[in-house]
Structures are given as C-alpha cells and as structure tokens.
Amino acid sequence: MTPEEKEGQRFINKMVSNARAIISNQVALPLGVYKMNQIISWLEPYKKTDDVDVSIFRDYDLNVDDLPVGTERLQWNIEKLIEFEKEFDETNRIFKADILRKCRELIDTYASDNSKESEE
C-alpha cells in the first residue's frame, strides 16, 4: 500500500469510527455530523466515498449552520442556548433516521472485515 493509499485508509477508518460513535450516541448528532463533514472533506482528494452518497451530512449541517456545536455552546447565554435546542430538536427529528441509516451504510461498506459488527 502506498503512503497515499494508507492516508486515505486512515481517513476511511476515522469515518467508520465516527459513524459508530453517532449510532451509539457516544457523540451528539450535531457534533458527530460536523466531524463527519470534516472527514468527508479530507477524503475528497482520495475519492474514497464515491460508493456512498454522503450528502445527508452536508444537508444536515446546512440546517444547523448558525447553531453552536461542541464547546462553543459553553460561551452562549443559557436562555439563547435553550432556544437553539428547540431548533436542534426539530432538525434532528427531520434528519436523524436518515443519518443513522447512512452511518450504518458507511460501516457496512467501509469497515474492514475484522472490525465489522455482527448483525443482531
């Protein structure tokens, strides 16, 4: 495997790991999607995500673009943050099922055979 292929595979592994974190609620949906979009952009030069349409992550991100994510939330007025939570809840209601399905598809498509989860 060339160094370029190794780097692309490293990003694929990060994407699979993040997909697992989103499904298992180890990371909140807004932050998980934010991370997923970063990883997808890192993968762009390697054309590694051509097999799976990952546009749902960008679509979600466009709908929460103005809302604080991660530790940025700590700097916001709590009352304003509570208002934002209502917007997050609505956006999550619309997108969550499709994002979870896409995360499962990413895991099924890109996880190495020795790290694939068993179907239960």
PDB file of N, CA and C in Angstrom:
ATOM      1  N   MET A   1       0.851  -1.179   0.000  1.00  0.00           N
ATOM      2  CA  MET A   1       0.000   0.000   0.000  1.00  0.00           C
ATOM      3  C   MET A   1       0.898   1.245   0.000  1.00  0.00           C
ATOM      4  N   THR A   2       0.614   2.154  -0.897  1.00  0.00           N
ATOM      5  CA  THR A   2       1.402   3.386  -0.986  1.00  0.00           C
ATOM      6  C   THR A   2       1.078   4.302   0.195  1.00  0.00           C
ATOM      7  N   PRO A   3       1.949   5.263   0.484  1.00  0.00           N
ATOM      8  CA  PRO A   3       1.650   6.218   1.559  1.00  0.00           C
ATOM      9  C   PRO A   3       0.325   6.955   1.327  1.00  0.00           C
ATOM     10  N   GLU A   4       0.036   7.283   0.075  1.00  0.00           N
ATOM     11  CA  GLU A   4      -1.230   7.963  -0.235  1.00  0.00           C
ATOM     12  C   GLU A   4      -2.424   7.054   0.064  1.00  0.00           C
ATOM     13  N   GLU A   5      -2.313   5.787  -0.288  1.00  0.00           N
ATOM     14  CA  GLU A   5      -3.394   4.832  -0.010  1.00  0.00           C
ATOM     15  C   GLU A   5      -3.564   4.638   1.496  1.00  0.00           C
ATOM     16  N   LYS A   6      -2.451   4.607   2.213  1.00  0.00           N
ATOM     17  CA  LYS A   6      -2.520   4.474   3.675  1.00  0.00           C
ATOM     18  C   LYS A   6      -3.230   5.671   4.300  1.00  0.00           C
ATOM     19  N   GLU A   7      -2.918   6.856   3.797  1.00  0.00           N
ATOM     20  CA  GLU A   7      -3.554   8.069   4.320  1.00  0.00           C
ATOM     21  C   GLU A   7      -5.054   8.051   4.039  1.00  0.00           C
ATOM     22  N   GLY A   8      -5.429   7.666   2.832  1.00  0.00           N
ATOM     23  CA  GLY A   8      -6.849   7.550   2.505  1.00  0.00           C
ATOM     24  C   GLY A   8      -7.543   6.532   3.390  1.00  0.00           C
ATOM     25  N   GLN A   9      -6.889   5.406   3.640  1.00  0.00           N
ATOM     26  CA  GLN A   9      -7.475   4.372   4.500  1.00  0.00           C
ATOM     27  C   GLN A   9      -7.601   4.861   5.940  1.00  0.00           C
ATOM     28  N   ARG A  10      -6.647   5.661   6.375  1.00  0.00           N
ATOM     29  CA  ARG A  10      -6.717   6.220   7.731  1.00  0.00           C
ATOM     30  C   ARG A  10      -7.970   7.090   7.886  1.00  0.00           C
ATOM     31  N   PHE A  11      -8.272   7.893   6.870  1.00  0.00           N
ATOM     32  CA  PHE A  11      -9.472   8.727   6.917  1.00  0.00           C
ATOM     33  C   PHE A  11     -10.740   7.878   6.836  1.00  0.00           C
ATOM     34  N   ILE A  12     -10.701   6.809   6.045  1.00  0.00           N
ATOM     35  CA  ILE A  12     -11.844   5.884   5.983  1.00  0.00           C
ATOM     36  C   ILE A  12     -12.100   5.304   7.372  1.00  0.00           C
ATOM     37  N   ASN A  13     -11.038   4.896   8.050  1.00  0.00           N
ATOM     38  CA  ASN A  13     -11.183   4.334   9.393  1.00  0.00           C
ATOM     39  C   ASN A  13     -11.770   5.357  10.356  1.00  0.00           C
ATOM     40  N   LYS A  14     -11.362   6.620  10.223  1.00  0.00           N
ATOM     41  CA  LYS A  14     -11.930   7.688  11.053  1.00  0.00           C
ATOM     42  C   LYS A  14     -13.424   7.859  10.762  1.00  0.00           C
ATOM     43  N   MET A  15     -13.787   7.776   9.495  1.00  0.00           N
ATOM     44  CA  MET A  15     -15.187   7.920   9.108  1.00  0.00           C
ATOM     45  C   MET A  15     -16.027   6.792   9.712  1.00  0.00           C
ATOM     46  N   VAL A  16     -15.535   5.571   9.628  1.00  0.00           N
ATOM     47  CA  VAL A  16     -16.247   4.421  10.193  1.00  0.00           C
ATOM     48  C   VAL A  16     -16.363   4.568  11.709  1.00  0.00           C
ATOM     49  N   SER A  17     -15.289   4.977  12.346  1.00  0.00           N
ATOM     50  CA  SER A  17     -15.307   5.176  13.792  1.00  0.00           C
ATOM     51  C   SER A  17     -16.323   6.243  14.189  1.00  0.00           C
ATOM     52  N   ASN A  18     -16.368   7.328  13.440  1.00  0.00           N
ATOM     53  CA  ASN A  18     -17.324   8.393  13.724  1.00  0.00           C
ATOM     54  C   ASN A  18     -18.756   7.927  13.473  1.00  0.00           C
ATOM     55  N   ALA A  19     -18.968   7.144  12.432  1.00  0.00           N
ATOM     56  CA  ALA A  19     -20.305   6.597  12.162  1.00  0.00           C
ATOM     57  C   ALA A  19     -20.760   5.734  13.334  1.00  0.00           C
ATOM     58  N   ARG A  20     -19.859   4.925  13.862  1.00  0.00           N
ATOM     59  CA  ARG A  20     -20.190   4.095  15.029  1.00  0.00           C
ATOM     60  C   ARG A  20     -20.513   4.964  16.242  1.00  0.00           C
ATOM     61  N   ALA A  21     -19.745   6.038  16.431  1.00  0.00           N
ATOM     62  CA  ALA A  21     -19.975   6.941  17.560  1.00  0.00           C
ATOM     63  C   ALA A  21     -21.332   7.627  17.448  1.00  0.00           C
ATOM     64  N   ILE A  22     -21.729   7.990  16.244  1.00  0.00           N
ATOM     65  CA  ILE A  22     -23.041   8.618  16.041  1.00  0.00           C
ATOM     66  C   ILE A  22     -24.147   7.624  16.368  1.00  0.00           C
ATOM     67  N   ILE A  23     -24.062   6.415  15.826  1.00  0.00           N
ATOM     68  CA  ILE A  23     -25.107   5.411  16.058  1.00  0.00           C
ATOM     69  C   ILE A  23     -25.226   5.065  17.540  1.00  0.00           C
ATOM     70  N   SER A  24     -24.099   4.950  18.221  1.00  0.00           N
ATOM     71  CA  SER A  24     -24.112   4.524  19.628  1.00  0.00           C
ATOM     72  C   SER A  24     -24.314   5.683  20.607  1.00  0.00           C
ATOM     73  N   ASN A  25     -24.540   6.873  20.090  1.00  0.00           N
ATOM     74  CA  ASN A  25     -24.727   8.075  20.915  1.00  0.00           C
ATOM     75  C   ASN A  25     -23.505   8.410  21.760  1.00  0.00           C
ATOM     76  N   GLN A  26     -22.325   7.982  21.334  1.00  0.00           N
ATOM     77  CA  GLN A  26     -21.103   8.385  22.024  1.00  0.00           C
ATOM     78  C   GLN A  26     -20.775   9.839  21.723  1.00  0.00           C
ATOM     79  N   VAL A  27     -21.346  10.344  20.648  1.00  0.00           N
ATOM     80  CA  VAL A  27     -21.180  11.742  20.273  1.00  0.00           C
ATOM     81  C   VAL A  27     -22.568  12.268  19.902  1.00  0.00           C
ATOM     82  N   ALA A  28     -22.845  13.506  20.297  1.00  0.00           N
ATOM     83  CA  ALA A  28     -24.137  14.107  19.954  1.00  0.00           C
ATOM     84  C   ALA A  28     -24.241  14.259  18.438  1.00  0.00           C
ATOM     85  N   LEU A  29     -25.451  14.154  17.937  1.00  0.00           N
ATOM     86  CA  LEU A  29     -25.670  14.194  16.494  1.00  0.00           C
ATOM     87  C   LEU A  29     -25.051  15.430  15.828  1.00  0.00           C
ATOM     88  N   PRO A  30     -25.272  16.641  16.335  1.00  0.00           N
ATOM     89  CA  PRO A  30     -24.688  17.809  15.653  1.00  0.00           C
ATOM     90  C   PRO A  30     -23.161  17.754  15.575  1.00  0.00           C
ATOM     91  N   LEU A  31     -22.511  17.356  16.660  1.00  0.00           N
ATOM     92  CA  LEU A  31     -21.052  17.290  16.656  1.00  0.00           C
ATOM     93  C   LEU A  31     -20.563  16.126  15.795  1.00  0.00           C
ATOM     94  N   GLY A  32     -21.267  15.004  15.841  1.00  0.00           N
ATOM     95  CA  GLY A  32     -20.901  13.864  15.003  1.00  0.00           C
ATOM     96  C   GLY A  32     -20.996  14.185  13.525  1.00  0.00           C
ATOM     97  N   VAL A  33     -22.043  14.902  13.151  1.00  0.00           N
ATOM     98  CA  VAL A  33     -22.201  15.294  11.745  1.00  0.00           C
ATOM     99  C   VAL A  33     -21.131  16.310  11.358  1.00  0.00           C
ATOM    100  N   TYR A  34     -20.833  17.235  12.255  1.00  0.00           N
ATOM    101  CA  TYR A  34     -19.763  18.210  11.997  1.00  0.00           C
ATOM    102  C   TYR A  34     -18.445  17.480  11.731  1.00  0.00           C
ATOM    103  N   LYS A  35     -18.124  16.515  12.582  1.00  0.00           N
ATOM    104  CA  LYS A  35     -16.895  15.729  12.396  1.00  0.00           C
ATOM    105  C   LYS A  35     -16.940  14.942  11.091  1.00  0.00           C
ATOM    106  N   MET A  36     -18.110  14.375  10.783  1.00  0.00           N
ATOM    107  CA  MET A  36     -18.240  13.580   9.559  1.00  0.00           C
ATOM    108  C   MET A  36     -17.966  14.450   8.337  1.00  0.00           C
ATOM    109  N   ASN A  37     -18.484  15.653   8.328  1.00  0.00           N
ATOM    110  CA  ASN A  37     -18.234  16.548   7.193  1.00  0.00           C
ATOM    111  C   ASN A  37     -16.753  16.897   7.065  1.00  0.00           C
ATOM    112  N   GLN A  38     -16.062  17.055   8.191  1.00  0.00           N
ATOM    113  CA  GLN A  38     -14.611  17.284   8.139  1.00  0.00           C
ATOM    114  C   GLN A  38     -13.913  16.088   7.496  1.00  0.00           C
ATOM    115  N   ILE A  39     -14.244  14.901   7.955  1.00  0.00           N
ATOM    116  CA  ILE A  39     -13.608  13.685   7.444  1.00  0.00           C
ATOM    117  C   ILE A  39     -13.898  13.515   5.957  1.00  0.00           C
ATOM    118  N   ILE A  40     -15.134  13.760   5.562  1.00  0.00           N
ATOM    119  CA  ILE A  40     -15.508  13.640   4.144  1.00  0.00           C
ATOM    120  C   ILE A  40     -14.676  14.610   3.300  1.00  0.00           C
ATOM    121  N   SER A  41     -14.460  15.815   3.807  1.00  0.00           N
ATOM    122  CA  SER A  41     -13.643  16.777   3.045  1.00  0.00           C
ATOM    123  C   SER A  41     -12.188  16.316   2.970  1.00  0.00           C
ATOM    124  N   TRP A  42     -11.680  15.687   4.020  1.00  0.00           N
ATOM    125  CA  TRP A  42     -10.315  15.153   3.987  1.00  0.00           C
ATOM    126  C   TRP A  42     -10.199  14.013   2.978  1.00  0.00           C
ATOM    127  N   LEU A  43     -11.278  13.272   2.803  1.00  0.00           N
ATOM    128  CA  LEU A  43     -11.273  12.135   1.875  1.00  0.00           C
ATOM    129  C   LEU A  43     -11.422  12.552   0.417  1.00  0.00           C
ATOM    130  N   GLU A  44     -11.875  13.751   0.172  1.00  0.00           N
ATOM    131  CA  GLU A  44     -12.164  14.207  -1.192  1.00  0.00           C
ATOM    132  C   GLU A  44     -11.008  13.966  -2.167  1.00  0.00           C
ATOM    133  N   PRO A  45      -9.764  14.300  -1.822  1.00  0.00           N
ATOM    134  CA  PRO A  45      -8.674  14.069  -2.784  1.00  0.00           C
ATOM    135  C   PRO A  45      -8.458  12.593  -3.128  1.00  0.00           C
ATOM    136  N   TYR A  46      -8.910  11.718  -2.250  1.00  0.00           N
ATOM    137  CA  TYR A  46      -8.700  10.283  -2.464  1.00  0.00           C
ATOM    138  C   TYR A  46      -9.876   9.618  -3.172  1.00  0.00           C
ATOM    139  N   LYS A  47     -10.973  10.355  -3.339  1.00  0.00           N
ATOM    140  CA  LYS A  47     -12.180   9.831  -3.994  1.00  0.00           C
ATOM    141  C   LYS A  47     -12.616   8.509  -3.364  1.00  0.00           C
ATOM    142  N   LYS A  48     -12.562   8.464  -2.039  1.00  0.00           N
ATOM    143  CA  LYS A  48     -12.857   7.222  -1.331  1.00  0.00           C
ATOM    144  C   LYS A  48     -14.332   7.046  -0.990  1.00  0.00           C
ATOM    145  N   THR A  49     -15.132   8.100  -1.089  1.00  0.00           N
ATOM    146  CA  THR A  49     -16.534   7.967  -0.696  1.00  0.00           C
ATOM    147  C   THR A  49     -17.463   7.917  -1.900  1.00  0.00           C
ATOM    148  N   ASP A  50     -16.919   7.612  -3.063  1.00  0.00           N
ATOM    149  CA  ASP A  50     -17.741   7.586  -4.274  1.00  0.00           C
ATOM    150  C   ASP A  50     -18.818   6.507  -4.236  1.00  0.00           C
ATOM    151  N   ASP A  51     -18.610   5.453  -3.449  1.00  0.00           N
ATOM    152  CA  ASP A  51     -19.565   4.350  -3.399  1.00  0.00           C
ATOM    153  C   ASP A  51     -20.824   4.688  -2.612  1.00  0.00           C
ATOM    154  N   VAL A  52     -20.747   5.679  -1.750  1.00  0.00           N
ATOM    155  CA  VAL A  52     -21.859   6.014  -0.861  1.00  0.00           C
ATOM    156  C   VAL A  52     -22.162   7.508  -0.986  1.00  0.00           C
ATOM    157  N   ASP A  53     -23.434   7.837  -1.152  1.00  0.00           N
ATOM    158  CA  ASP A  53     -23.858   9.238  -1.199  1.00  0.00           C
ATOM    159  C   ASP A  53     -23.876   9.784   0.233  1.00  0.00           C
ATOM    160  N   VAL A  54     -22.959  10.671   0.541  1.00  0.00           N
ATOM    161  CA  VAL A  54     -22.833  11.212   1.893  1.00  0.00           C
ATOM    162  C   VAL A  54     -23.422  12.622   2.012  1.00  0.00           C
ATOM    163  N   SER A  55     -24.239  13.013   1.065  1.00  0.00           N
ATOM    164  CA  SER A  55     -24.782  14.378   1.046  1.00  0.00           C
ATOM    165  C   SER A  55     -25.708  14.669   2.228  1.00  0.00           C
ATOM    166  N   ILE A  56     -26.266  13.643   2.874  1.00  0.00           N
ATOM    167  CA  ILE A  56     -27.165  13.863   4.008  1.00  0.00           C
ATOM    168  C   ILE A  56     -26.450  14.617   5.133  1.00  0.00           C
ATOM    169  N   PHE A  57     -25.153  14.378   5.292  1.00  0.00           N
ATOM    170  CA  PHE A  57     -24.400  15.060   6.347  1.00  0.00           C
ATOM    171  C   PHE A  57     -24.271  16.554   6.041  1.00  0.00           C
ATOM    172  N   ARG A  58     -24.034  16.880   4.796  1.00  0.00           N
ATOM    173  CA  ARG A  58     -23.945  18.289   4.392  1.00  0.00           C
ATOM    174  C   ARG A  58     -25.320  18.952   4.500  1.00  0.00           C
ATOM    175  N   ASP A  59     -26.360  18.243   4.104  1.00  0.00           N
ATOM    176  CA  ASP A  59     -27.717  18.788   4.200  1.00  0.00           C
ATOM    177  C   ASP A  59     -28.066  19.126   5.649  1.00  0.00           C
ATOM    178  N   TYR A  60     -27.739  18.223   6.557  1.00  0.00           N
ATOM    179  CA  TYR A  60     -27.991  18.473   7.980  1.00  0.00           C
ATOM    180  C   TYR A  60     -27.203  19.698   8.438  1.00  0.00           C
ATOM    181  N   ASP A  61     -25.935  19.718   8.089  1.00  0.00           N
ATOM    182  CA  ASP A  61     -25.058  20.811   8.503  1.00  0.00           C
ATOM    183  C   ASP A  61     -25.577  22.162   8.022  1.00  0.00           C
ATOM    184  N   LEU A  62     -26.099  22.213   6.817  1.00  0.00           N
ATOM    185  CA  LEU A  62     -26.654  23.464   6.297  1.00  0.00           C
ATOM    186  C   LEU A  62     -27.842  23.937   7.125  1.00  0.00           C
ATOM    187  N   ASN A  63     -28.567  23.001   7.729  1.00  0.00           N
ATOM    188  CA  ASN A  63     -29.735  23.354   8.531  1.00  0.00           C
ATOM    189  C   ASN A  63     -29.390  23.782   9.953  1.00  0.00           C
ATOM    190  N   VAL A  64     -28.191  23.481  10.414  1.00  0.00           N
ATOM    191  CA  VAL A  64     -27.792  23.872  11.770  1.00  0.00           C
ATOM    192  C   VAL A  64     -26.558  24.771  11.758  1.00  0.00           C
ATOM    193  N   ASP A  65     -26.247  25.312  10.615  1.00  0.00           N
ATOM    194  CA  ASP A  65     -25.020  26.092  10.423  1.00  0.00           C
ATOM    195  C   ASP A  65     -24.874  27.239  11.414  1.00  0.00           C
ATOM    196  N   ASP A  66     -25.960  27.876  11.792  1.00  0.00           N
ATOM    197  CA  ASP A  66     -25.889  29.032  12.685  1.00  0.00           C
ATOM    198  C   ASP A  66     -25.998  28.658  14.158  1.00  0.00           C
ATOM    199  N   LEU A  67     -26.131  27.373  14.450  1.00  0.00           N
ATOM    200  CA  LEU A  67     -26.314  26.937  15.829  1.00  0.00           C
ATOM    201  C   LEU A  67     -24.977  26.495  16.427  1.00  0.00           C
ATOM    202  N   PRO A  68     -24.759  26.799  17.718  1.00  0.00           N
ATOM    203  CA  PRO A  68     -23.480  26.443  18.346  1.00  0.00           C
ATOM    204  C   PRO A  68     -23.362  24.935  18.577  1.00  0.00           C
ATOM    205  N   VAL A  69     -22.155  24.409  18.327  1.00  0.00           N
ATOM    206  CA  VAL A  69     -21.884  22.980  18.460  1.00  0.00           C
ATOM    207  C   VAL A  69     -20.656  22.789  19.341  1.00  0.00           C
ATOM    208  N   GLY A  70     -20.636  21.718  20.108  1.00  0.00           N
ATOM    209  CA  GLY A  70     -19.474  21.382  20.926  1.00  0.00           C
ATOM    210  C   GLY A  70     -19.241  22.383  22.045  1.00  0.00           C
ATOM    211  N   THR A  71     -17.985  22.611  22.373  1.00  0.00           N
ATOM    212  CA  THR A  71     -17.652  23.502  23.488  1.00  0.00           C
ATOM    213  C   THR A  71     -17.994  24.962  23.207  1.00  0.00           C
ATOM    214  N   GLU A  72     -18.245  25.279  21.952  1.00  0.00           N
ATOM    215  CA  GLU A  72     -18.699  26.630  21.599  1.00  0.00           C
ATOM    216  C   GLU A  72     -19.971  26.978  22.380  1.00  0.00           C
ATOM    217  N   ARG A  73     -20.779  25.968  22.695  1.00  0.00           N
ATOM    218  CA  ARG A  73     -22.036  26.171  23.415  1.00  0.00           C
ATOM    219  C   ARG A  73     -21.816  26.765  24.807  1.00  0.00           C
ATOM    220  N   LEU A  74     -20.667  26.506  25.406  1.00  0.00           N
ATOM    221  CA  LEU A  74     -20.375  26.999  26.753  1.00  0.00           C
ATOM    222  C   LEU A  74     -20.297  28.515  26.813  1.00  0.00           C
ATOM    223  N   GLN A  75     -20.073  29.153  25.694  1.00  0.00           N
ATOM    224  CA  GLN A  75     -19.910  30.599  25.664  1.00  0.00           C
ATOM    225  C   GLN A  75     -21.217  31.339  25.384  1.00  0.00           C
ATOM    226  N   TRP A  76     -22.292  30.608  25.186  1.00  0.00           N
ATOM    227  CA  TRP A  76     -23.577  31.214  24.859  1.00  0.00           C
ATOM    228  C   TRP A  76     -24.416  31.421  26.114  1.00  0.00           C
ATOM    229  N   ASN A  77     -25.256  32.446  26.073  1.00  0.00           N
ATOM    230  CA  ASN A  77     -26.249  32.680  27.105  1.00  0.00           C
ATOM    231  C   ASN A  77     -27.159  31.459  27.183  1.00  0.00           C
ATOM    232  N   ILE A  78     -27.424  30.990  28.392  1.00  0.00           N
ATOM    233  CA  ILE A  78     -28.175  29.743  28.562  1.00  0.00           C
ATOM    234  C   ILE A  78     -29.587  29.837  27.987  1.00  0.00           C
ATOM    235  N   GLU A  79     -30.225  30.980  28.104  1.00  0.00           N
ATOM    236  CA  GLU A  79     -31.583  31.127  27.568  1.00  0.00           C
ATOM    237  C   GLU A  79     -31.572  31.050  26.041  1.00  0.00           C
ATOM    238  N   LYS A  80     -30.576  31.668  25.429  1.00  0.00           N
ATOM    239  CA  LYS A  80     -30.444  31.593  23.970  1.00  0.00           C
ATOM    240  C   LYS A  80     -30.128  30.154  23.553  1.00  0.00           C
ATOM    241  N   LEU A  81     -29.314  29.484  24.338  1.00  0.00           N
ATOM    242  CA  LEU A  81     -28.968  28.093  24.052  1.00  0.00           C
ATOM    243  C   LEU A  81     -30.205  27.196  24.119  1.00  0.00           C
ATOM    244  N   ILE A  82     -31.072  27.456  25.061  1.00  0.00           N
ATOM    245  CA  ILE A  82     -32.318  26.689  25.173  1.00  0.00           C
ATOM    246  C   ILE A  82     -33.177  26.901  23.931  1.00  0.00           C
ATOM    247  N   GLU A  83     -33.212  28.129  23.416  1.00  0.00           N
ATOM    248  CA  GLU A  83     -33.921  28.385  22.151  1.00  0.00           C
ATOM    249  C   GLU A  83     -33.307  27.574  21.017  1.00  0.00           C
ATOM    250  N   PHE A  84     -31.976  27.558  20.967  1.00  0.00           N
ATOM    251  CA  PHE A  84     -31.283  26.789  19.927  1.00  0.00           C
ATOM    252  C   PHE A  84     -31.611  25.305  20.025  1.00  0.00           C
ATOM    253  N   GLU A  85     -31.770  24.815  21.243  1.00  0.00           N
ATOM    254  CA  GLU A  85     -32.086  23.396  21.429  1.00  0.00           C
ATOM    255  C   GLU A  85     -33.392  23.025  20.727  1.00  0.00           C
ATOM    256  N   LYS A  86     -34.346  23.926  20.733  1.00  0.00           N
ATOM    257  CA  LYS A  86     -35.612  23.664  20.041  1.00  0.00           C
ATOM    258  C   LYS A  86     -35.374  23.511  18.540  1.00  0.00           C
ATOM    259  N   GLU A  87     -34.492  24.347  17.993  1.00  0.00           N
ATOM    260  CA  GLU A  87     -34.154  24.236  16.567  1.00  0.00           C
ATOM    261  C   GLU A  87     -33.407  22.932  16.284  1.00  0.00           C
ATOM    262  N   PHE A  88     -32.466  22.571  17.170  1.00  0.00           N
ATOM    263  CA  PHE A  88     -31.751  21.305  17.017  1.00  0.00           C
ATOM    264  C   PHE A  88     -32.724  20.128  17.058  1.00  0.00           C
ATOM    265  N   ASP A  89     -33.649  20.176  18.014  1.00  0.00           N
ATOM    266  CA  ASP A  89     -34.615  19.081  18.146  1.00  0.00           C
ATOM    267  C   ASP A  89     -35.423  18.897  16.868  1.00  0.00           C
ATOM    268  N   GLU A  90     -35.865  19.989  16.286  1.00  0.00           N
ATOM    269  CA  GLU A  90     -36.654  19.911  15.053  1.00  0.00           C
ATOM    270  C   GLU A  90     -35.804  19.370  13.901  1.00  0.00           C
ATOM    271  N   THR A  91     -34.601  19.881  13.767  1.00  0.00           N
ATOM    272  CA  THR A  91     -33.711  19.409  12.699  1.00  0.00           C
ATOM    273  C   THR A  91     -33.357  17.942  12.909  1.00  0.00           C
ATOM    274  N   ASN A  92     -33.076  17.563  14.149  1.00  0.00           N
ATOM    275  CA  ASN A  92     -32.777  16.158  14.446  1.00  0.00           C
ATOM    276  C   ASN A  92     -33.959  15.262  14.107  1.00  0.00           C
ATOM    277  N   ARG A  93     -35.161  15.728  14.410  1.00  0.00           N
ATOM    278  CA  ARG A  93     -36.361  14.941  14.111  1.00  0.00           C
ATOM    279  C   ARG A  93     -36.456  14.663  12.611  1.00  0.00           C
ATOM    280  N   ILE A  94     -36.105  15.645  11.818  1.00  0.00           N
ATOM    281  CA  ILE A  94     -36.202  15.519  10.360  1.00  0.00           C
ATOM    282  C   ILE A  94     -35.098  14.618   9.798  1.00  0.00           C
ATOM    283  N   PHE A  95     -33.887  14.749  10.298  1.00  0.00           N
ATOM    284  CA  PHE A  95     -32.719  14.110   9.672  1.00  0.00           C
ATOM    285  C   PHE A  95     -32.207  12.841  10.353  1.00  0.00           C
ATOM    286  N   LYS A  96     -32.513  12.642  11.630  1.00  0.00           N
ATOM    287  CA  LYS A  96     -31.822  11.609  12.406  1.00  0.00           C
ATOM    288  C   LYS A  96     -31.924  10.212  11.800  1.00  0.00           C
ATOM    289  N   ALA A  97     -33.103   9.781  11.428  1.00  0.00           N
ATOM    290  CA  ALA A  97     -33.260   8.420  10.892  1.00  0.00           C
ATOM    291  C   ALA A  97     -32.403   8.218   9.647  1.00  0.00           C
ATOM    292  N   ASP A  98     -32.408   9.195   8.754  1.00  0.00           N
ATOM    293  CA  ASP A  98     -31.607   9.074   7.529  1.00  0.00           C
ATOM    294  C   ASP A  98     -30.108   9.099   7.825  1.00  0.00           C
ATOM    295  N   ILE A  99     -29.706   9.889   8.808  1.00  0.00           N
ATOM    296  CA  ILE A  99     -28.291   9.930   9.182  1.00  0.00           C
ATOM    297  C   ILE A  99     -27.868   8.596   9.787  1.00  0.00           C
ATOM    298  N   LEU A 100     -28.700   8.036  10.653  1.00  0.00           N
ATOM    299  CA  LEU A 100     -28.371   6.730  11.237  1.00  0.00           C
ATOM    300  C   LEU A 100     -28.273   5.651  10.161  1.00  0.00           C
ATOM    301  N   ARG A 101     -29.190   5.669   9.213  1.00  0.00           N
ATOM    302  CA  ARG A 101     -29.125   4.703   8.100  1.00  0.00           C
ATOM    303  C   ARG A 101     -27.839   4.881   7.292  1.00  0.00           C
ATOM    304  N   LYS A 102     -27.475   6.133   7.046  1.00  0.00           N
ATOM    305  CA  LYS A 102     -26.259   6.400   6.271  1.00  0.00           C
ATOM    306  C   LYS A 102     -25.019   5.965   7.051  1.00  0.00           C
ATOM    307  N   CYS A 103     -25.008   6.183   8.351  1.00  0.00           N
ATOM    308  CA  CYS A 103     -23.885   5.721   9.171  1.00  0.00           C
ATOM    309  C   CYS A 103     -23.756   4.202   9.092  1.00  0.00           C
ATOM    310  N   ARG A 104     -24.880   3.505   9.153  1.00  0.00           N
ATOM    311  CA  ARG A 104     -24.854   2.042   9.040  1.00  0.00           C
ATOM    312  C   ARG A 104     -24.311   1.630   7.675  1.00  0.00           C
ATOM    313  N   GLU A 105     -24.717   2.337   6.631  1.00  0.00           N
ATOM    314  CA  GLU A 105     -24.231   2.038   5.285  1.00  0.00           C
ATOM    315  C   GLU A 105     -22.718   2.265   5.185  1.00  0.00           C
ATOM    316  N   LEU A 106     -22.234   3.333   5.804  1.00  0.00           N
ATOM    317  CA  LEU A 106     -20.791   3.596   5.794  1.00  0.00           C
ATOM    318  C   LEU A 106     -20.026   2.481   6.504  1.00  0.00           C
ATOM    319  N   ILE A 107     -20.545   2.044   7.627  1.00  0.00           N
ATOM    320  CA  ILE A 107     -19.904   0.948   8.362  1.00  0.00           C
ATOM    321  C   ILE A 107     -19.910  -0.320   7.517  1.00  0.00           C
ATOM    322  N   ASP A 108     -21.063  -0.643   6.952  1.00  0.00           N
ATOM    323  CA  ASP A 108     -21.175  -1.866   6.146  1.00  0.00           C
ATOM    324  C   ASP A 108     -20.290  -1.821   4.905  1.00  0.00           C
ATOM    325  N   THR A 109     -20.123  -0.646   4.332  1.00  0.00           N
ATOM    326  CA  THR A 109     -19.347  -0.502   3.098  1.00  0.00           C
ATOM    327  C   THR A 109     -17.849  -0.435   3.349  1.00  0.00           C
ATOM    328  N   TYR A 110     -17.434   0.266   4.398  1.00  0.00           N
ATOM    329  CA  TYR A 110     -16.021   0.591   4.547  1.00  0.00           C
ATOM    330  C   TYR A 110     -15.297  -0.073   5.713  1.00  0.00           C
ATOM    331  N   ALA A 111     -16.019  -0.648   6.657  1.00  0.00           N
ATOM    332  CA  ALA A 111     -15.322  -1.284   7.782  1.00  0.00           C
ATOM    333  C   ALA A 111     -14.569  -2.504   7.277  1.00  0.00           C
ATOM    334  N   SER A 112     -13.366  -2.684   7.777  1.00  0.00           N
ATOM    335  CA  SER A 112     -12.602  -3.868   7.372  1.00  0.00           C
ATOM    336  C   SER A 112     -13.292  -5.109   7.921  1.00  0.00           C
ATOM    337  N   ASP A 113     -13.087  -6.234   7.277  1.00  0.00           N
ATOM    338  CA  ASP A 113     -13.767  -7.472   7.651  1.00  0.00           C
ATOM    339  C   ASP A 113     -13.561  -7.824   9.117  1.00  0.00           C
ATOM    340  N   ASN A 114     -12.384  -7.577   9.647  1.00  0.00           N
ATOM    341  CA  ASN A 114     -12.126  -7.956  11.030  1.00  0.00           C
ATOM    342  C   ASN A 114     -12.704  -6.972  12.039  1.00  0.00           C
ATOM    343  N   SER A 115     -13.245  -5.851  11.575  1.00  0.00           N
ATOM    344  CA  SER A 115     -13.821  -4.894  12.515  1.00  0.00           C
ATOM    345  C   SER A 115     -15.317  -4.697  12.312  1.00  0.00           C
ATOM    346  N   LYS A 116     -15.907  -5.433  11.363  1.00  0.00           N
ATOM    347  CA  LYS A 116     -17.346  -5.295  11.139  1.00  0.00           C
ATOM    348  C   LYS A 116     -18.113  -5.840  12.333  1.00  0.00           C
ATOM    349  N   GLU A 117     -19.202  -5.167  12.640  1.00  0.00           N
ATOM    350  CA  GLU A 117     -20.031  -5.581  13.755  1.00  0.00           C
ATOM    351  C   GLU A 117     -20.963  -6.689  13.299  1.00  0.00           C
ATOM    352  N   SER A 118     -21.271  -7.575  14.209  1.00  0.00           N
ATOM    353  CA  SER A 118     -22.185  -8.663  13.861  1.00  0.00           C
ATOM    354  C   SER A 118     -23.613  -8.149  13.837  1.00  0.00           C
ATOM    355  N   GLU A 119     -24.397  -8.752  12.974  1.00  0.00           N
ATOM    356  CA  GLU A 119     -25.813  -8.397  12.890  1.00  0.00           C
ATOM    357  C   GLU A 119     -26.536  -9.054  14.056  1.00  0.00           C
ATOM    358  N   GLU A 120     -27.308  -8.283  14.792  1.00  0.00           N
ATOM    359  CA  GLU A 120     -28.044  -8.840  15.924  1.00  0.00           C
ATOM    360  C   GLU A 120     -29.506  -8.621  15.730  1.00  0.00           C
TER     361      GLU A 120
END
